[in-house]
Amino acid sequence: MLVLALAFLACDGGKNGADGDAISIRLVNPTDADPMEEVDAFRLDLLIDGELLESATFDLDEPWSLPGLTEYGQVRFEVAGLAGDEVVSYGRSAEIAVVPGVDRDVPITFLPVNEVLPLSVDLDLVQGRKGHEVTILPDGRALIHGGQGLTSDRPQNAMAVYDPSEGAVLETELNLGYAVSDPVVAWDFQQRLVYAGGASDPLPTQTRLKNSAVLDPVAETIDTLPPLNRKRFDHCFRFVRDGFAVAMGGTLPDLDLSSIESLRSDGAGEGNLVWSEEEIPGLSGRGVNACELTSDGRLFLQGATADSTGELSAVESVGGGSPSLVFESIWADSISGNGWVDFSIGAALIPLETGAEGDALVWVGGGLDLESGSGAVATQPRVYNLDAERFQMGFGSDLQPRVDGDWGRWLDPGSVVLSCGYTDGNYNVGQSRIELFEPENGASIGWWELPNRRVGCESAVLKDGSVLVTGGQPESGEDQPWISAILVPYID
């Protein structure tokens, strides 16, 4: 791994009586590629709130400094490796807080531009995984948890993290306490990660679990929670209020999953949570495997029918008790024959800014087309309007068909990255394309090909805008190592 300490910037310039604050820019390379191969100069940029504040260019052997810099606050550094006027290598930091009198070490993943590059073998997972999850922790590390080992084909309970400051996947002492494939998780309002169900077996059986637990990423502790009332897998699970979450649905047809469960206080005043099962008038939980919370606290459910697709709201109870749940389904006249898909599984659900009338909108892309009945993948994105209670055609028809893919916000919150997932309804063909686009207007910002199609990979957008792709199994006939990969998108 190439780690270079390249820059010290005197950022204070004497302001506030300080002698200057040392900021060390450290270039990190987690791959075997050589980002310095064609570089003959560097450009260093400093941005605040996305706006360029300072920029300077340096020869390879020239010390870096921005001696006139006097700004403090949340900043981002960007480093471009130049070959003449062309940017051939690039990296950016996560946003960091620059404060008087505090030195900062700023790691930047610095790689050849716009290439999906495999991690060095000695920096990757000890054992590859598929069917796992990757979750960005508050400190910027990527938690790799659950899934199946590629050699043992057994679910995993040990956890690892990709640390961007080290450019490596590191094993941890965290252990969920039970083996789980395809874990289902949600953040609570205290930035703790809560687990609810999942599967104990790999495909094709995927026996459901009732297990529930909570991870505190700051204290690095895991505590067991009371179990779910029903075994659930591939279901909707979200916190809709502080100390109040809901779980419902799933995709396997062999169990009755029409009920909904809420995780809430046990009423004893000790802050303990317990799962309660209940029926919601007008709601069928069957077929719900995706849901997304809007900015105003409403939960959009994507299900298989009109009575499992729509809006679930938590309404305050009289007297300050736990909220009551109310469901509003989509209008019957909005379904079928309208040119787009209303009912799907495995679709990406992305909350949008409110529409022109102030309505809450959710972009729905891809997924298995349940209306066709032929196992086709939906190709036309659609937007669900929670206030009008209906679907409308969405932007982004040039995107690749994708089922059960990952999405994450990019640096600009209006832009998202789509990655991993499948291109077919039989879950046999892995998606090979990473796509960056704006769901508000369908504008394509860029796309990049993985070195090989991977079945069961997971991706996440790191806080510096890099895209990490972990694990996955190459398709039959491909001789590829079980390696993770990373991409630094550069948009000129």
Protein backbone atom coordinates (compact mmCIF):
# COMPACT_ATOMS: atom_id res chain seq x y z
CA MET A 1 0.00 0.00 0.00
CA LEU A 2 1.34 3.43 -0.97
CA VAL A 3 0.97 5.96 1.85
CA LEU A 4 2.61 9.34 1.30
CA ALA A 5 2.81 12.21 3.78
CA LEU A 6 2.85 15.06 1.28
CA ALA A 7 1.61 18.31 2.69
CA PHE A 8 1.69 20.57 5.69
CA LEU A 9 -0.46 23.68 5.48
CA ALA A 10 -0.15 26.66 7.79
CA CYS A 11 -3.85 27.30 8.04
CA ASP A 12 -4.13 29.90 10.74
CA GLY A 13 -1.85 32.65 9.45
CA GLY A 14 -1.61 34.09 12.96
CA LYS A 15 -5.36 34.39 13.43
CA ASN A 16 -6.61 34.08 17.01
CA GLY A 17 -3.04 34.22 18.29
CA ALA A 18 -2.15 30.71 17.09
CA ASP A 19 1.16 29.95 15.40
CA GLY A 20 -0.51 27.91 12.69
CA ASP A 21 -2.31 24.58 12.50
CA ALA A 22 -0.55 21.68 10.77
CA ILE A 23 -2.73 19.72 8.40
CA SER A 24 -1.07 16.62 7.03
CA ILE A 25 -2.50 15.41 3.71
CA ARG A 26 -1.82 11.67 3.49
CA LEU A 27 -2.40 9.88 0.17
CA VAL A 28 -3.63 6.31 0.65
CA ASN A 29 -3.60 3.64 -2.05
CA PRO A 30 -5.43 0.39 -1.12
CA THR A 31 -4.79 -1.21 -4.54
CA ASP A 32 -1.85 -2.51 -6.57
CA ALA A 33 -2.34 0.21 -9.20
CA ASP A 34 0.24 3.01 -9.42
CA PRO A 35 -1.51 6.41 -9.24
CA MET A 36 1.86 8.18 -9.60
CA GLU A 37 2.83 6.56 -12.90
CA GLU A 38 2.00 9.50 -15.20
CA VAL A 39 1.84 12.31 -12.65
CA ASP A 40 4.16 15.28 -13.19
CA ALA A 41 2.41 17.80 -10.88
CA PHE A 42 -0.26 18.05 -8.19
CA ARG A 43 -3.22 20.38 -7.78
CA LEU A 44 -4.53 20.93 -4.28
CA ASP A 45 -8.03 22.36 -3.82
CA LEU A 46 -9.83 23.40 -0.65
CA LEU A 47 -13.64 23.51 -0.63
CA ILE A 48 -16.19 24.73 1.90
CA ASP A 49 -19.82 23.69 1.36
CA GLY A 50 -18.88 22.51 -2.12
CA GLU A 51 -17.46 25.90 -3.13
CA LEU A 52 -13.79 26.22 -4.14
CA LEU A 53 -11.98 28.46 -1.65
CA GLU A 54 -8.28 27.93 -2.45
CA SER A 55 -6.38 26.15 -5.23
CA ALA A 56 -2.65 25.75 -5.91
CA THR A 57 -0.49 23.62 -8.22
CA PHE A 58 2.85 22.10 -7.17
CA ASP A 59 5.70 20.30 -8.92
CA LEU A 60 6.41 16.76 -7.75
CA ASP A 61 9.29 17.79 -5.49
CA GLU A 62 7.80 21.09 -4.35
CA PRO A 63 6.57 21.49 -0.74
CA TRP A 64 2.86 22.19 -0.37
CA SER A 65 1.50 25.09 1.61
CA LEU A 66 -1.43 27.47 1.69
CA PRO A 67 0.01 30.07 4.06
CA GLY A 68 -2.77 32.63 3.63
CA LEU A 69 -5.55 30.28 4.63
CA THR A 70 -7.57 31.66 7.55
CA GLU A 71 -10.89 29.82 7.24
CA TYR A 72 -12.16 27.36 9.82
CA GLY A 73 -15.11 24.99 9.83
CA GLN A 74 -16.16 21.98 7.73
CA VAL A 75 -13.78 21.70 4.78
CA ARG A 76 -12.90 19.16 2.10
CA PHE A 77 -9.51 18.76 0.38
CA GLU A 78 -9.14 17.45 -3.17
CA VAL A 79 -5.86 16.32 -4.77
CA ALA A 80 -5.47 15.91 -8.54
CA GLY A 81 -2.48 14.17 -10.09
CA LEU A 82 -1.75 15.96 -13.37
CA ALA A 83 -0.11 14.81 -16.59
CA GLY A 84 0.16 18.15 -18.32
CA ASP A 85 -3.37 19.53 -18.11
CA GLU A 86 -5.01 16.13 -17.80
CA VAL A 87 -6.17 14.73 -14.43
CA VAL A 88 -4.92 11.13 -14.38
CA SER A 89 -5.19 10.39 -10.65
CA TYR A 90 -7.48 11.88 -8.05
CA GLY A 91 -8.71 11.78 -4.49
CA ARG A 92 -10.76 13.79 -2.05
CA SER A 93 -11.10 13.79 1.70
CA ALA A 94 -14.23 13.41 3.72
CA GLU A 95 -15.47 16.67 5.20
CA ILE A 96 -13.37 17.46 8.25
CA ALA A 97 -13.60 20.07 10.97
CA VAL A 98 -10.66 22.51 11.02
CA VAL A 99 -10.44 24.30 14.36
CA PRO A 100 -7.79 26.63 15.84
CA GLY A 101 -4.87 24.96 17.56
CA VAL A 102 -5.72 21.42 16.48
CA ASP A 103 -3.47 19.54 14.04
CA ARG A 104 -5.24 17.25 11.60
CA ASP A 105 -4.22 14.12 9.71
CA VAL A 106 -6.24 14.01 6.49
CA PRO A 107 -6.21 10.66 4.65
CA ILE A 108 -7.21 10.77 0.98
CA THR A 109 -7.79 7.69 -1.16
CA PHE A 110 -5.71 8.60 -4.24
CA LEU A 111 -6.16 6.42 -7.34
CA PRO A 112 -6.19 6.51 -11.14
CA VAL A 113 -9.40 8.29 -12.10
CA ASN A 114 -12.65 6.51 -12.90
CA GLU A 115 -11.34 2.94 -12.62
CA VAL A 116 -12.92 0.21 -10.50
CA LEU A 117 -9.76 -1.24 -8.98
CA PRO A 118 -9.42 -4.39 -6.85
CA LEU A 119 -8.04 -4.04 -3.35
CA SER A 120 -4.64 -5.53 -2.69
CA VAL A 121 -5.14 -9.10 -1.51
CA ASP A 122 -3.47 -8.46 1.84
CA LEU A 123 -5.81 -5.51 2.50
CA ASP A 124 -9.07 -7.31 1.68
CA LEU A 125 -11.40 -9.54 3.69
CA VAL A 126 -9.70 -12.56 5.24
CA GLN A 127 -12.52 -14.63 3.76
CA GLY A 128 -14.74 -13.36 0.97
CA ARG A 129 -18.48 -12.99 1.54
CA LYS A 130 -21.71 -12.87 -0.40
CA GLY A 131 -25.20 -11.95 0.74
CA HIS A 132 -23.80 -9.65 3.44
CA GLU A 133 -24.42 -5.99 4.26
CA VAL A 134 -22.17 -2.93 4.21
CA THR A 135 -23.17 -0.02 6.42
CA ILE A 136 -21.36 3.32 6.75
CA LEU A 137 -20.66 4.09 10.41
CA PRO A 138 -20.78 7.66 11.80
CA ASP A 139 -16.95 7.81 11.86
CA GLY A 140 -16.76 7.01 8.12
CA ARG A 141 -15.69 3.39 8.32
CA ALA A 142 -17.68 0.78 6.41
CA LEU A 143 -19.05 -2.06 8.55
CA ILE A 144 -19.08 -5.42 6.73
CA HIS A 145 -21.45 -7.77 8.50
CA GLY A 146 -23.41 -10.96 7.99
CA GLY A 147 -23.43 -12.93 4.77
CA GLN A 148 -22.02 -16.27 3.76
CA GLY A 149 -18.40 -17.30 3.61
CA LEU A 150 -17.29 -18.23 0.12
CA THR A 151 -15.28 -21.27 1.20
CA SER A 152 -17.46 -22.62 4.00
CA ASP A 153 -20.76 -21.36 2.53
CA ARG A 154 -21.88 -20.71 6.10
CA PRO A 155 -23.39 -17.49 7.47
CA GLN A 156 -20.98 -15.24 9.32
CA ASN A 157 -21.38 -13.57 12.71
CA ALA A 158 -17.95 -11.90 12.95
CA MET A 159 -17.72 -8.31 11.68
CA ALA A 160 -15.06 -6.43 9.74
CA VAL A 161 -14.62 -2.77 8.81
CA TYR A 162 -13.08 -1.06 5.82
CA ASP A 163 -11.10 1.86 7.26
CA PRO A 164 -10.47 4.56 4.60
CA SER A 165 -7.69 6.08 6.70
CA GLU A 166 -5.79 2.78 6.47
CA GLY A 167 -7.06 1.67 3.06
CA ALA A 168 -7.68 -1.80 4.44
CA VAL A 169 -10.36 -4.18 5.68
CA LEU A 170 -9.73 -4.83 9.37
CA GLU A 171 -11.15 -7.64 11.46
CA THR A 172 -12.94 -6.57 14.66
CA GLU A 173 -13.83 -8.23 17.94
CA LEU A 174 -17.51 -7.44 17.36
CA ASN A 175 -19.66 -10.51 17.14
CA LEU A 176 -23.41 -10.47 16.57
CA GLY A 177 -23.84 -13.63 18.64
CA TYR A 178 -25.69 -15.51 15.91
CA ALA A 179 -24.92 -16.33 12.30
CA VAL A 180 -27.03 -14.39 9.81
CA SER A 181 -27.20 -14.22 6.04
CA ASP A 182 -28.76 -11.08 4.53
CA PRO A 183 -29.16 -9.22 7.84
CA VAL A 184 -31.93 -6.61 8.01
CA VAL A 185 -30.85 -3.47 9.88
CA ALA A 186 -31.98 0.09 10.61
CA TRP A 187 -30.47 3.09 12.40
CA ASP A 188 -32.31 4.32 15.47
CA PHE A 189 -32.42 7.98 16.49
CA GLN A 190 -29.37 7.57 18.77
CA GLN A 191 -27.19 6.39 15.87
CA ARG A 192 -27.27 2.78 16.97
CA LEU A 193 -27.64 0.00 14.43
CA VAL A 194 -30.53 -2.37 15.20
CA TYR A 195 -30.81 -5.87 13.71
CA ALA A 196 -34.19 -7.53 13.13
CA GLY A 197 -34.39 -10.99 11.60
CA GLY A 198 -32.56 -12.24 8.54
CA ALA A 199 -31.74 -15.76 7.36
CA SER A 200 -29.75 -18.54 9.02
CA ASP A 201 -29.07 -20.46 5.81
CA PRO A 202 -27.65 -19.61 2.40
CA LEU A 203 -29.69 -19.84 -0.79
CA PRO A 204 -31.98 -21.51 -1.68
CA THR A 205 -33.44 -22.35 1.76
CA GLN A 206 -32.79 -19.11 3.70
CA THR A 207 -34.60 -20.10 6.89
CA ARG A 208 -35.96 -17.00 8.62
CA LEU A 209 -34.80 -15.76 12.03
CA LYS A 210 -36.48 -14.02 14.96
CA ASN A 211 -33.21 -12.69 16.39
CA SER A 212 -32.82 -9.00 17.21
CA ALA A 213 -29.84 -7.05 18.54
CA VAL A 214 -28.41 -3.54 18.75
CA LEU A 215 -24.88 -2.34 17.92
CA ASP A 216 -23.51 0.84 19.48
CA PRO A 217 -20.68 1.79 17.08
CA VAL A 218 -19.20 4.38 19.48
CA ALA A 219 -19.01 2.13 22.52
CA GLU A 220 -18.36 -0.86 20.21
CA THR A 221 -20.84 -3.03 22.08
CA ILE A 222 -23.59 -5.39 20.92
CA ASP A 223 -26.62 -6.14 23.10
CA THR A 224 -29.34 -8.71 22.51
CA LEU A 225 -32.91 -7.44 22.15
CA PRO A 226 -36.11 -9.44 22.66
CA PRO A 227 -36.87 -11.56 19.56
CA LEU A 228 -39.42 -10.74 16.89
CA ASN A 229 -42.78 -12.44 17.19
CA ARG A 230 -42.43 -13.82 13.66
CA LYS A 231 -39.46 -15.17 11.76
CA ARG A 232 -38.74 -12.60 9.05
CA PHE A 233 -36.38 -12.25 6.11
CA ASP A 234 -36.02 -9.66 3.33
CA HIS A 235 -38.63 -7.45 4.98
CA CYS A 236 -39.25 -3.77 5.70
CA PHE A 237 -37.67 -2.51 8.92
CA ARG A 238 -37.36 1.17 9.85
CA PHE A 239 -37.46 3.50 12.85
CA VAL A 240 -40.25 6.01 12.33
CA ARG A 241 -39.91 7.79 15.70
CA ASP A 242 -37.37 7.85 18.52
CA GLY A 243 -37.71 4.50 20.25
CA PHE A 244 -40.36 3.30 17.79
CA ALA A 245 -39.70 1.02 14.80
CA VAL A 246 -41.81 -1.17 12.56
CA ALA A 247 -41.12 -4.46 10.78
CA MET A 248 -43.37 -6.16 8.26
CA GLY A 249 -43.49 -8.34 5.20
CA GLY A 250 -40.90 -10.45 3.48
CA THR A 251 -40.70 -12.24 0.15
CA LEU A 252 -40.94 -15.97 0.83
CA PRO A 253 -44.51 -17.18 0.20
CA ASP A 254 -44.64 -20.10 2.65
CA LEU A 255 -45.59 -18.11 5.77
CA ASP A 256 -48.44 -15.76 6.58
CA LEU A 257 -46.78 -12.37 6.97
CA SER A 258 -49.85 -10.18 7.00
CA SER A 259 -49.11 -8.90 10.50
CA ILE A 260 -46.95 -5.92 11.42
CA GLU A 261 -44.63 -5.65 14.41
CA SER A 262 -43.52 -2.56 16.27
CA LEU A 263 -40.42 -2.21 18.43
CA ARG A 264 -41.28 0.15 21.28
CA SER A 265 -40.84 0.77 25.01
CA ASP A 266 -42.05 -1.98 27.32
CA GLY A 267 -43.68 0.70 29.47
CA ALA A 268 -41.61 -0.03 32.56
CA GLY A 269 -39.72 3.27 32.36
CA GLU A 270 -36.29 1.64 32.04
CA GLY A 271 -35.84 2.38 28.34
CA ASN A 272 -36.14 -1.29 27.39
CA LEU A 273 -37.66 -2.17 24.01
CA VAL A 274 -39.98 -5.03 23.13
CA TRP A 275 -41.62 -6.27 19.93
CA SER A 276 -45.43 -6.00 19.77
CA GLU A 277 -47.53 -7.61 17.04
CA GLU A 278 -50.64 -5.94 15.70
CA GLU A 279 -53.00 -5.67 12.75
CA ILE A 280 -53.32 -2.38 10.84
CA PRO A 281 -56.70 -1.76 9.14
CA GLY A 282 -56.39 -1.86 5.35
CA LEU A 283 -52.78 -3.07 5.34
CA SER A 284 -51.46 -6.38 4.10
CA GLY A 285 -47.82 -6.92 4.94
CA ARG A 286 -47.43 -9.75 2.47
CA GLY A 287 -44.90 -9.01 -0.22
CA VAL A 288 -43.44 -5.90 1.45
CA ASN A 289 -39.68 -6.19 1.24
CA ALA A 290 -38.73 -2.52 0.90
CA CYS A 291 -39.67 0.71 2.62
CA GLU A 292 -38.17 4.18 2.95
CA LEU A 293 -38.67 7.05 5.37
CA THR A 294 -39.41 10.51 3.97
CA SER A 295 -38.09 13.73 5.49
CA ASP A 296 -41.47 14.40 7.14
CA GLY A 297 -41.48 11.04 8.95
CA ARG A 298 -43.83 9.02 6.75
CA LEU A 299 -42.95 5.51 5.64
CA PHE A 300 -43.44 4.50 2.00
CA LEU A 301 -44.08 0.77 1.55
CA GLN A 302 -43.41 -0.97 -1.75
CA GLY A 303 -45.42 -4.19 -1.84
CA ALA A 304 -47.01 -6.69 -4.18
CA THR A 305 -50.57 -5.28 -4.14
CA ALA A 306 -52.51 -2.07 -3.59
CA ASP A 307 -53.10 -2.96 0.06
CA SER A 308 -49.38 -3.43 0.68
CA THR A 309 -48.15 -0.37 -1.26
CA GLY A 310 -48.59 3.13 0.06
CA GLU A 311 -47.93 5.21 3.17
CA LEU A 312 -47.67 4.17 6.80
CA SER A 313 -47.76 6.98 9.37
CA ALA A 314 -47.24 6.99 13.13
CA VAL A 315 -49.96 9.18 14.66
CA GLU A 316 -49.54 10.56 18.16
CA SER A 317 -51.78 8.90 20.72
CA VAL A 318 -53.97 10.91 23.04
CA GLY A 319 -52.29 11.40 26.41
CA GLY A 320 -48.73 11.03 25.15
CA GLY A 321 -48.70 7.24 24.76
CA SER A 322 -47.03 5.27 21.98
CA PRO A 323 -48.04 6.33 18.45
CA SER A 324 -50.78 4.54 16.55
CA LEU A 325 -50.07 3.32 13.02
CA VAL A 326 -52.28 4.38 10.11
CA PHE A 327 -52.00 3.04 6.55
CA GLU A 328 -53.15 4.71 3.34
CA SER A 329 -52.93 2.60 0.19
CA ILE A 330 -52.44 3.78 -3.38
CA TRP A 331 -55.54 4.67 -5.37
CA ALA A 332 -56.94 1.75 -7.33
CA ASP A 333 -57.17 3.83 -10.51
CA SER A 334 -53.41 4.41 -10.51
CA ILE A 335 -52.52 0.79 -11.15
CA SER A 336 -52.08 -1.39 -14.23
CA GLY A 337 -52.07 -0.31 -17.84
CA ASN A 338 -50.41 3.04 -17.15
CA GLY A 339 -47.09 2.30 -18.83
CA TRP A 340 -45.04 1.70 -15.70
CA VAL A 341 -44.87 -0.80 -12.85
CA ASP A 342 -46.79 -0.17 -9.63
CA PHE A 343 -45.92 -3.37 -7.77
CA SER A 344 -42.41 -4.79 -7.56
CA ILE A 345 -39.87 -6.35 -5.25
CA GLY A 346 -36.18 -5.52 -5.07
CA ALA A 347 -36.64 -1.93 -6.29
CA ALA A 348 -34.47 1.00 -5.16
CA LEU A 349 -36.49 3.49 -3.08
CA ILE A 350 -34.95 6.97 -2.95
CA PRO A 351 -36.67 9.88 -1.13
CA LEU A 352 -36.70 13.07 -3.20
CA GLU A 353 -37.04 16.71 -2.30
CA THR A 354 -40.66 17.76 -2.15
CA GLY A 355 -42.42 18.38 -5.47
CA ALA A 356 -43.73 21.64 -6.88
CA GLU A 357 -46.85 21.42 -4.69
CA GLY A 358 -44.87 20.51 -1.58
CA ASP A 359 -45.74 16.83 -1.92
CA ALA A 360 -43.45 14.14 -0.52
CA LEU A 361 -42.00 12.00 -3.33
CA VAL A 362 -40.12 8.69 -3.50
CA TRP A 363 -38.25 7.60 -6.65
CA VAL A 364 -38.75 3.89 -7.35
CA GLY A 365 -36.31 2.26 -9.76
CA GLY A 366 -35.92 -1.28 -11.06
CA GLY A 367 -37.19 -4.29 -9.18
CA LEU A 368 -38.99 -7.42 -10.30
CA ASP A 369 -42.10 -6.56 -12.30
CA LEU A 370 -44.89 -8.34 -10.41
CA GLU A 371 -47.58 -7.18 -12.83
CA SER A 372 -46.10 -8.88 -15.89
CA GLY A 373 -45.90 -12.24 -14.17
CA SER A 374 -43.00 -13.22 -16.44
CA GLY A 375 -40.05 -12.54 -14.14
CA ALA A 376 -39.12 -9.39 -16.06
CA VAL A 377 -37.20 -6.53 -14.46
CA ALA A 378 -38.89 -3.12 -14.45
CA THR A 379 -37.04 -0.75 -16.78
CA GLN A 380 -39.09 2.44 -16.37
CA PRO A 381 -38.49 4.33 -13.10
CA ARG A 382 -41.52 5.74 -11.36
CA VAL A 383 -42.20 8.24 -8.59
CA TYR A 384 -44.68 7.68 -5.79
CA ASN A 385 -46.43 10.80 -4.52
CA LEU A 386 -47.37 10.25 -0.88
CA ASP A 387 -49.79 13.17 -0.83
CA ALA A 388 -51.60 12.39 -4.09
CA GLU A 389 -51.39 8.66 -3.24
CA ARG A 390 -50.41 7.57 -6.71
CA PHE A 391 -47.53 6.64 -8.99
CA GLN A 392 -46.31 8.73 -11.89
CA MET A 393 -43.58 8.14 -14.44
CA GLY A 394 -40.09 8.91 -13.17
CA PHE A 395 -36.80 9.97 -14.71
CA GLY A 396 -33.87 7.70 -15.53
CA SER A 397 -35.06 5.31 -18.25
CA ASP A 398 -31.48 4.87 -19.53
CA LEU A 399 -30.40 3.20 -16.28
CA GLN A 400 -29.54 -0.50 -16.34
CA PRO A 401 -32.30 -2.88 -15.17
CA ARG A 402 -31.49 -3.75 -11.56
CA VAL A 403 -33.03 -5.95 -8.85
CA ASP A 404 -31.93 -5.85 -5.19
CA GLY A 405 -29.18 -3.33 -5.90
CA ASP A 406 -27.56 -0.92 -3.47
CA TRP A 407 -27.90 2.84 -3.53
CA GLY A 408 -26.25 5.64 -1.58
CA ARG A 409 -26.09 9.42 -1.57
CA TRP A 410 -23.05 10.87 -3.29
CA LEU A 411 -21.30 14.13 -2.31
CA ASP A 412 -24.14 16.18 -3.71
CA PRO A 413 -27.23 14.92 -1.81
CA GLY A 414 -29.24 15.22 -5.03
CA SER A 415 -27.00 12.60 -6.68
CA VAL A 416 -27.00 8.88 -5.91
CA VAL A 417 -24.89 5.86 -6.75
CA LEU A 418 -26.49 2.57 -7.83
CA SER A 419 -24.40 -0.60 -7.68
CA CYS A 420 -24.49 -4.40 -7.31
CA GLY A 421 -27.76 -6.34 -7.56
CA TYR A 422 -28.97 -8.45 -10.49
CA THR A 423 -30.06 -7.79 -14.06
CA ASP A 424 -32.59 -10.65 -14.21
CA GLY A 425 -35.60 -11.79 -12.26
CA ASN A 426 -34.05 -15.21 -11.56
CA TYR A 427 -31.17 -13.64 -9.61
CA ASN A 428 -28.55 -15.38 -11.74
CA VAL A 429 -26.88 -12.52 -13.61
CA GLY A 430 -24.94 -10.03 -11.50
CA GLN A 431 -25.06 -6.33 -12.34
CA SER A 432 -21.65 -5.07 -13.55
CA ARG A 433 -22.30 -1.34 -13.76
CA ILE A 434 -21.90 1.38 -11.13
CA GLU A 435 -24.11 4.33 -12.06
CA LEU A 436 -24.13 7.91 -10.78
CA PHE A 437 -27.23 9.94 -11.59
CA GLU A 438 -29.75 12.50 -10.35
CA PRO A 439 -33.20 10.95 -9.72
CA GLU A 440 -34.86 14.38 -9.58
CA ASN A 441 -34.33 14.91 -13.32
CA GLY A 442 -32.82 11.66 -14.59
CA ALA A 443 -29.49 13.25 -15.53
CA SER A 444 -26.73 10.66 -15.90
CA ILE A 445 -23.48 11.91 -14.35
CA GLY A 446 -21.37 8.88 -15.18
CA TRP A 447 -21.12 5.09 -15.09
CA TRP A 448 -18.29 2.60 -14.66
CA GLU A 449 -17.92 -1.13 -15.24
CA LEU A 450 -16.82 -3.60 -12.57
CA PRO A 451 -13.93 -5.86 -13.66
CA ASN A 452 -16.43 -8.76 -13.55
CA ARG A 453 -20.11 -9.35 -12.82
CA ARG A 454 -20.57 -10.34 -9.20
CA VAL A 455 -23.46 -12.28 -7.70
CA GLY A 456 -24.19 -11.27 -4.10
CA CYS A 457 -21.84 -8.30 -3.83
CA GLU A 458 -22.60 -5.26 -1.65
CA SER A 459 -21.53 -1.65 -2.16
CA ALA A 460 -21.48 1.56 -0.17
CA VAL A 461 -20.59 5.21 -0.82
CA LEU A 462 -17.84 6.33 1.55
CA LYS A 463 -17.85 9.82 3.04
CA ASP A 464 -15.16 10.95 0.57
CA GLY A 465 -17.36 9.97 -2.39
CA SER A 466 -15.46 6.76 -3.15
CA VAL A 467 -17.52 3.66 -3.92
CA LEU A 468 -16.55 0.46 -2.10
CA VAL A 469 -17.69 -2.88 -3.57
CA THR A 470 -17.20 -5.86 -1.27
CA GLY A 471 -17.38 -9.58 -1.79
CA GLY A 472 -19.64 -11.27 -4.27
CA GLN A 473 -19.23 -14.36 -6.37
CA PRO A 474 -18.19 -14.21 -10.03
CA GLU A 475 -20.59 -15.84 -12.45
CA SER A 476 -20.09 -19.39 -13.61
CA GLY A 477 -17.11 -19.84 -15.88
CA GLU A 478 -15.26 -16.72 -14.73
CA ASP A 479 -11.90 -17.22 -13.08
CA GLN A 480 -11.67 -14.21 -10.79
CA PRO A 481 -10.39 -13.90 -7.22
CA TRP A 482 -12.79 -13.12 -4.38
CA ILE A 483 -11.70 -9.55 -3.97
CA SER A 484 -13.30 -6.24 -3.05
CA ALA A 485 -12.87 -3.16 -5.24
CA ILE A 486 -12.93 0.61 -4.96
CA LEU A 487 -13.76 3.47 -7.34
CA VAL A 488 -12.90 7.17 -7.04
CA PRO A 489 -15.35 8.94 -9.38
CA TYR A 490 -13.94 12.05 -11.00
CA ILE A 491 -16.34 14.37 -12.80
CA ASP A 492 -14.63 17.16 -14.73
